[in-house]
Amino acid sequence: MRQQFLLLIVTIIIEFFILWLFIRKNPLRIFFYAALINLSTLPIANYLYQNISNNFLLIELAVFLIEWILIMVLFEIKYYRALLLSFIANFITAVISLLLR
Protein backbone atom coordinates (compact mmCIF):
# COMPACT_ATOMS: atom_id res chain seq x y z
CA MET A 1 0.00 0.00 0.00
CA ARG A 2 2.78 2.41 0.90
CA GLN A 3 4.58 1.64 -2.36
CA GLN A 4 1.38 2.29 -4.35
CA PHE A 5 0.96 5.65 -2.63
CA LEU A 6 4.56 6.58 -3.42
CA LEU A 7 4.10 5.56 -7.06
CA LEU A 8 0.94 7.67 -7.23
CA ILE A 9 2.77 10.73 -5.89
CA VAL A 10 5.67 10.19 -8.31
CA THR A 11 3.22 9.77 -11.21
CA ILE A 12 1.37 12.97 -10.31
CA ILE A 13 4.62 14.93 -10.10
CA ILE A 14 5.97 13.55 -13.38
CA GLU A 15 2.72 14.11 -15.25
CA PHE A 16 2.47 17.62 -13.79
CA PHE A 17 5.89 18.51 -15.20
CA ILE A 18 5.04 17.02 -18.59
CA LEU A 19 1.73 18.90 -18.75
CA TRP A 20 3.40 22.10 -17.56
CA LEU A 21 6.09 21.83 -20.26
CA PHE A 22 3.39 21.89 -22.93
CA ILE A 23 0.77 24.17 -21.39
CA ARG A 24 2.87 26.67 -19.37
CA LYS A 25 -0.08 28.43 -17.76
CA ASN A 26 -1.19 28.48 -14.14
CA PRO A 27 1.02 25.76 -12.59
CA LEU A 28 -1.25 25.33 -9.56
CA ARG A 29 -4.20 24.53 -11.83
CA ILE A 30 -2.05 22.12 -13.85
CA PHE A 31 -0.94 20.36 -10.67
CA PHE A 32 -4.51 20.13 -9.41
CA TYR A 33 -5.69 18.65 -12.71
CA ALA A 34 -2.75 16.21 -12.83
CA ALA A 35 -3.68 15.00 -9.35
CA LEU A 36 -7.38 14.81 -10.21
CA ILE A 37 -6.71 12.87 -13.41
CA ASN A 38 -4.45 10.36 -11.69
CA LEU A 39 -6.73 9.97 -8.70
CA SER A 40 -9.52 9.21 -11.18
CA THR A 41 -7.63 6.67 -13.25
CA LEU A 42 -5.86 4.81 -10.43
CA PRO A 43 -9.04 3.10 -9.13
CA ILE A 44 -9.95 2.15 -12.70
CA ALA A 45 -6.49 0.69 -13.32
CA ASN A 46 -6.63 -1.22 -10.03
CA TYR A 47 -10.10 -2.57 -10.82
CA LEU A 48 -9.01 -3.69 -14.29
CA TYR A 49 -5.89 -5.35 -12.90
CA GLN A 50 -7.72 -7.19 -10.12
CA ASN A 51 -10.92 -8.17 -11.96
CA ILE A 52 -10.45 -8.10 -15.71
CA SER A 53 -6.85 -8.65 -16.75
CA ASN A 54 -3.37 -8.29 -15.36
CA ASN A 55 -2.10 -7.33 -18.80
CA PHE A 56 0.00 -4.22 -18.17
CA LEU A 57 -0.27 -2.90 -21.74
CA LEU A 58 -4.04 -3.31 -21.86
CA ILE A 59 -4.45 -1.43 -18.59
CA GLU A 60 -2.08 1.34 -19.71
CA LEU A 61 -4.05 1.66 -22.95
CA ALA A 62 -7.28 2.11 -20.98
CA VAL A 63 -5.66 4.69 -18.70
CA PHE A 64 -4.15 6.51 -21.70
CA LEU A 65 -7.57 6.78 -23.39
CA ILE A 66 -9.35 7.97 -20.24
CA GLU A 67 -6.62 10.51 -19.49
CA TRP A 68 -6.73 11.74 -23.10
CA ILE A 69 -10.40 12.66 -22.67
CA LEU A 70 -9.86 14.18 -19.23
CA ILE A 71 -6.92 16.30 -20.45
CA MET A 72 -8.94 17.49 -23.45
CA VAL A 73 -11.93 18.47 -21.30
CA LEU A 74 -10.14 19.92 -18.27
CA PHE A 75 -7.53 21.93 -20.17
CA GLU A 76 -9.91 22.80 -23.01
CA ILE A 77 -7.41 21.88 -25.71
CA LYS A 78 -7.82 20.20 -29.09
CA TYR A 79 -8.13 16.43 -29.19
CA TYR A 80 -4.83 15.82 -31.02
CA ARG A 81 -2.84 17.92 -28.54
CA ALA A 82 -4.52 16.16 -25.61
CA LEU A 83 -3.80 12.82 -27.29
CA LEU A 84 -0.12 13.72 -27.59
CA LEU A 85 0.09 14.90 -23.98
CA SER A 86 -1.64 11.79 -22.69
CA PHE A 87 0.64 9.55 -24.74
CA ILE A 88 3.85 11.24 -23.61
CA ALA A 89 2.82 11.39 -19.95
CA ASN A 90 1.62 7.79 -19.81
CA PHE A 91 4.55 6.43 -21.79
CA ILE A 92 7.07 8.04 -19.46
CA THR A 93 5.27 7.03 -16.27
CA ALA A 94 4.71 3.48 -17.57
CA VAL A 95 8.41 3.08 -18.33
CA ILE A 96 9.34 4.43 -14.89
CA SER A 97 6.80 2.09 -13.29
CA LEU A 98 8.34 -0.88 -15.06
CA LEU A 99 11.84 0.19 -14.01
CA LEU A 100 10.81 0.55 -10.36
CA ARG A 101 9.24 -2.91 -10.16
C-alpha atoms as a PDB file:
ATOM      1  CA  MET A   1       0.000   0.000   0.000  1.00  0.00           C
ATOM      2  CA  ARG A   2       2.785   2.413   0.905  1.00  0.00           C
ATOM      3  CA  GLN A   3       4.583   1.644  -2.361  1.00  0.00           C
ATOM      4  CA  GLN A   4       1.383   2.294  -4.355  1.00  0.00           C
ATOM      5  CA  PHE A   5       0.961   5.652  -2.628  1.00  0.00           C
ATOM      6  CA  LEU A   6       4.560   6.579  -3.419  1.00  0.00           C
ATOM      7  CA  LEU A   7       4.101   5.564  -7.062  1.00  0.00           C
ATOM      8  CA  LEU A   8       0.941   7.672  -7.232  1.00  0.00           C
ATOM      9  CA  ILE A   9       2.772  10.732  -5.893  1.00  0.00           C
ATOM     10  CA  VAL A  10       5.670  10.188  -8.306  1.00  0.00           C
ATOM     11  CA  THR A  11       3.219   9.772 -11.210  1.00  0.00           C
ATOM     12  CA  ILE A  12       1.369  12.969 -10.315  1.00  0.00           C
ATOM     13  CA  ILE A  13       4.620  14.930 -10.101  1.00  0.00           C
ATOM     14  CA  ILE A  14       5.972  13.552 -13.383  1.00  0.00           C
ATOM     15  CA  GLU A  15       2.719  14.114 -15.251  1.00  0.00           C
ATOM     16  CA  PHE A  16       2.472  17.616 -13.787  1.00  0.00           C
ATOM     17  CA  PHE A  17       5.887  18.515 -15.204  1.00  0.00           C
ATOM     18  CA  ILE A  18       5.036  17.020 -18.593  1.00  0.00           C
ATOM     19  CA  LEU A  19       1.729  18.898 -18.755  1.00  0.00           C
ATOM     20  CA  TRP A  20       3.400  22.095 -17.557  1.00  0.00           C
ATOM     21  CA  LEU A  21       6.088  21.834 -20.264  1.00  0.00           C
ATOM     22  CA  PHE A  22       3.391  21.889 -22.927  1.00  0.00           C
ATOM     23  CA  ILE A  23       0.768  24.169 -21.388  1.00  0.00           C
ATOM     24  CA  ARG A  24       2.872  26.674 -19.370  1.00  0.00           C
ATOM     25  CA  LYS A  25      -0.078  28.430 -17.760  1.00  0.00           C
ATOM     26  CA  ASN A  26      -1.190  28.475 -14.140  1.00  0.00           C
ATOM     27  CA  PRO A  27       1.023  25.762 -12.591  1.00  0.00           C
ATOM     28  CA  LEU A  28      -1.250  25.331  -9.564  1.00  0.00           C
ATOM     29  CA  ARG A  29      -4.199  24.526 -11.830  1.00  0.00           C
ATOM     30  CA  ILE A  30      -2.054  22.116 -13.853  1.00  0.00           C
ATOM     31  CA  PHE A  31      -0.938  20.359 -10.669  1.00  0.00           C
ATOM     32  CA  PHE A  32      -4.511  20.126  -9.412  1.00  0.00           C
ATOM     33  CA  TYR A  33      -5.695  18.645 -12.713  1.00  0.00           C
ATOM     34  CA  ALA A  34      -2.748  16.213 -12.834  1.00  0.00           C
ATOM     35  CA  ALA A  35      -3.678  15.003  -9.349  1.00  0.00           C
ATOM     36  CA  LEU A  36      -7.383  14.813 -10.206  1.00  0.00           C
ATOM     37  CA  ILE A  37      -6.712  12.874 -13.405  1.00  0.00           C
ATOM     38  CA  ASN A  38      -4.448  10.358 -11.691  1.00  0.00           C
ATOM     39  CA  LEU A  39      -6.731   9.973  -8.698  1.00  0.00           C
ATOM     40  CA  SER A  40      -9.517   9.212 -11.182  1.00  0.00           C
ATOM     41  CA  THR A  41      -7.628   6.665 -13.245  1.00  0.00           C
ATOM     42  CA  LEU A  42      -5.859   4.807 -10.426  1.00  0.00           C
ATOM     43  CA  PRO A  43      -9.036   3.102  -9.133  1.00  0.00           C
ATOM     44  CA  ILE A  44      -9.947   2.155 -12.700  1.00  0.00           C
ATOM     45  CA  ALA A  45      -6.493   0.687 -13.317  1.00  0.00           C
ATOM     46  CA  ASN A  46      -6.627  -1.224 -10.028  1.00  0.00           C
ATOM     47  CA  TYR A  47     -10.096  -2.572 -10.825  1.00  0.00           C
ATOM     48  CA  LEU A  48      -9.009  -3.693 -14.288  1.00  0.00           C
ATOM     49  CA  TYR A  49      -5.892  -5.346 -12.897  1.00  0.00           C
ATOM     50  CA  GLN A  50      -7.724  -7.193 -10.124  1.00  0.00           C
ATOM     51  CA  ASN A  51     -10.924  -8.166 -11.958  1.00  0.00           C
ATOM     52  CA  ILE A  52     -10.450  -8.104 -15.711  1.00  0.00           C
ATOM     53  CA  SER A  53      -6.847  -8.655 -16.747  1.00  0.00           C
ATOM     54  CA  ASN A  54      -3.371  -8.292 -15.360  1.00  0.00           C
ATOM     55  CA  ASN A  55      -2.101  -7.325 -18.801  1.00  0.00           C
ATOM     56  CA  PHE A  56      -0.002  -4.215 -18.167  1.00  0.00           C
ATOM     57  CA  LEU A  57      -0.270  -2.904 -21.739  1.00  0.00           C
ATOM     58  CA  LEU A  58      -4.042  -3.312 -21.857  1.00  0.00           C
ATOM     59  CA  ILE A  59      -4.452  -1.430 -18.586  1.00  0.00           C
ATOM     60  CA  GLU A  60      -2.076   1.336 -19.705  1.00  0.00           C
ATOM     61  CA  LEU A  61      -4.050   1.663 -22.946  1.00  0.00           C
ATOM     62  CA  ALA A  62      -7.284   2.110 -20.982  1.00  0.00           C
ATOM     63  CA  VAL A  63      -5.658   4.694 -18.696  1.00  0.00           C
ATOM     64  CA  PHE A  64      -4.154   6.510 -21.703  1.00  0.00           C
ATOM     65  CA  LEU A  65      -7.573   6.783 -23.390  1.00  0.00           C
ATOM     66  CA  ILE A  66      -9.347   7.974 -20.240  1.00  0.00           C
ATOM     67  CA  GLU A  67      -6.621  10.514 -19.487  1.00  0.00           C
ATOM     68  CA  TRP A  68      -6.732  11.737 -23.096  1.00  0.00           C
ATOM     69  CA  ILE A  69     -10.397  12.655 -22.670  1.00  0.00           C
ATOM     70  CA  LEU A  70      -9.859  14.185 -19.229  1.00  0.00           C
ATOM     71  CA  ILE A  71      -6.921  16.296 -20.454  1.00  0.00           C
ATOM     72  CA  MET A  72      -8.942  17.487 -23.451  1.00  0.00           C
ATOM     73  CA  VAL A  73     -11.927  18.470 -21.301  1.00  0.00           C
ATOM     74  CA  LEU A  74     -10.136  19.924 -18.271  1.00  0.00           C
ATOM     75  CA  PHE A  75      -7.534  21.929 -20.174  1.00  0.00           C
ATOM     76  CA  GLU A  76      -9.909  22.797 -23.012  1.00  0.00           C
ATOM     77  CA  ILE A  77      -7.407  21.876 -25.713  1.00  0.00           C
ATOM     78  CA  LYS A  78      -7.822  20.196 -29.089  1.00  0.00           C
ATOM     79  CA  TYR A  79      -8.127  16.426 -29.189  1.00  0.00           C
ATOM     80  CA  TYR A  80      -4.826  15.817 -31.021  1.00  0.00           C
ATOM     81  CA  ARG A  81      -2.837  17.916 -28.539  1.00  0.00           C
ATOM     82  CA  ALA A  82      -4.523  16.156 -25.613  1.00  0.00           C
ATOM     83  CA  LEU A  83      -3.798  12.821 -27.288  1.00  0.00           C
ATOM     84  CA  LEU A  84      -0.117  13.716 -27.594  1.00  0.00           C
ATOM     85  CA  LEU A  85       0.093  14.898 -23.980  1.00  0.00           C
ATOM     86  CA  SER A  86      -1.639  11.786 -22.693  1.00  0.00           C
ATOM     87  CA  PHE A  87       0.636   9.548 -24.741  1.00  0.00           C
ATOM     88  CA  ILE A  88       3.848  11.238 -23.606  1.00  0.00           C
ATOM     89  CA  ALA A  89       2.820  11.393 -19.946  1.00  0.00           C
ATOM     90  CA  ASN A  90       1.616   7.793 -19.814  1.00  0.00           C
ATOM     91  CA  PHE A  91       4.551   6.429 -21.786  1.00  0.00           C
ATOM     92  CA  ILE A  92       7.071   8.038 -19.458  1.00  0.00           C
ATOM     93  CA  THR A  93       5.272   7.032 -16.265  1.00  0.00           C
ATOM     94  CA  ALA A  94       4.712   3.475 -17.570  1.00  0.00           C
ATOM     95  CA  VAL A  95       8.413   3.078 -18.325  1.00  0.00           C
ATOM     96  CA  ILE A  96       9.335   4.425 -14.889  1.00  0.00           C
ATOM     97  CA  SER A  97       6.796   2.094 -13.292  1.00  0.00           C
ATOM     98  CA  LEU A  98       8.344  -0.885 -15.062  1.00  0.00           C
ATOM     99  CA  LEU A  99      11.835   0.188 -14.011  1.00  0.00           C
ATOM    100  CA  LEU A 100      10.815   0.552 -10.362  1.00  0.00           C
ATOM    101  CA  ARG A 101       9.242  -2.908 -10.157  1.00  0.00           C
END
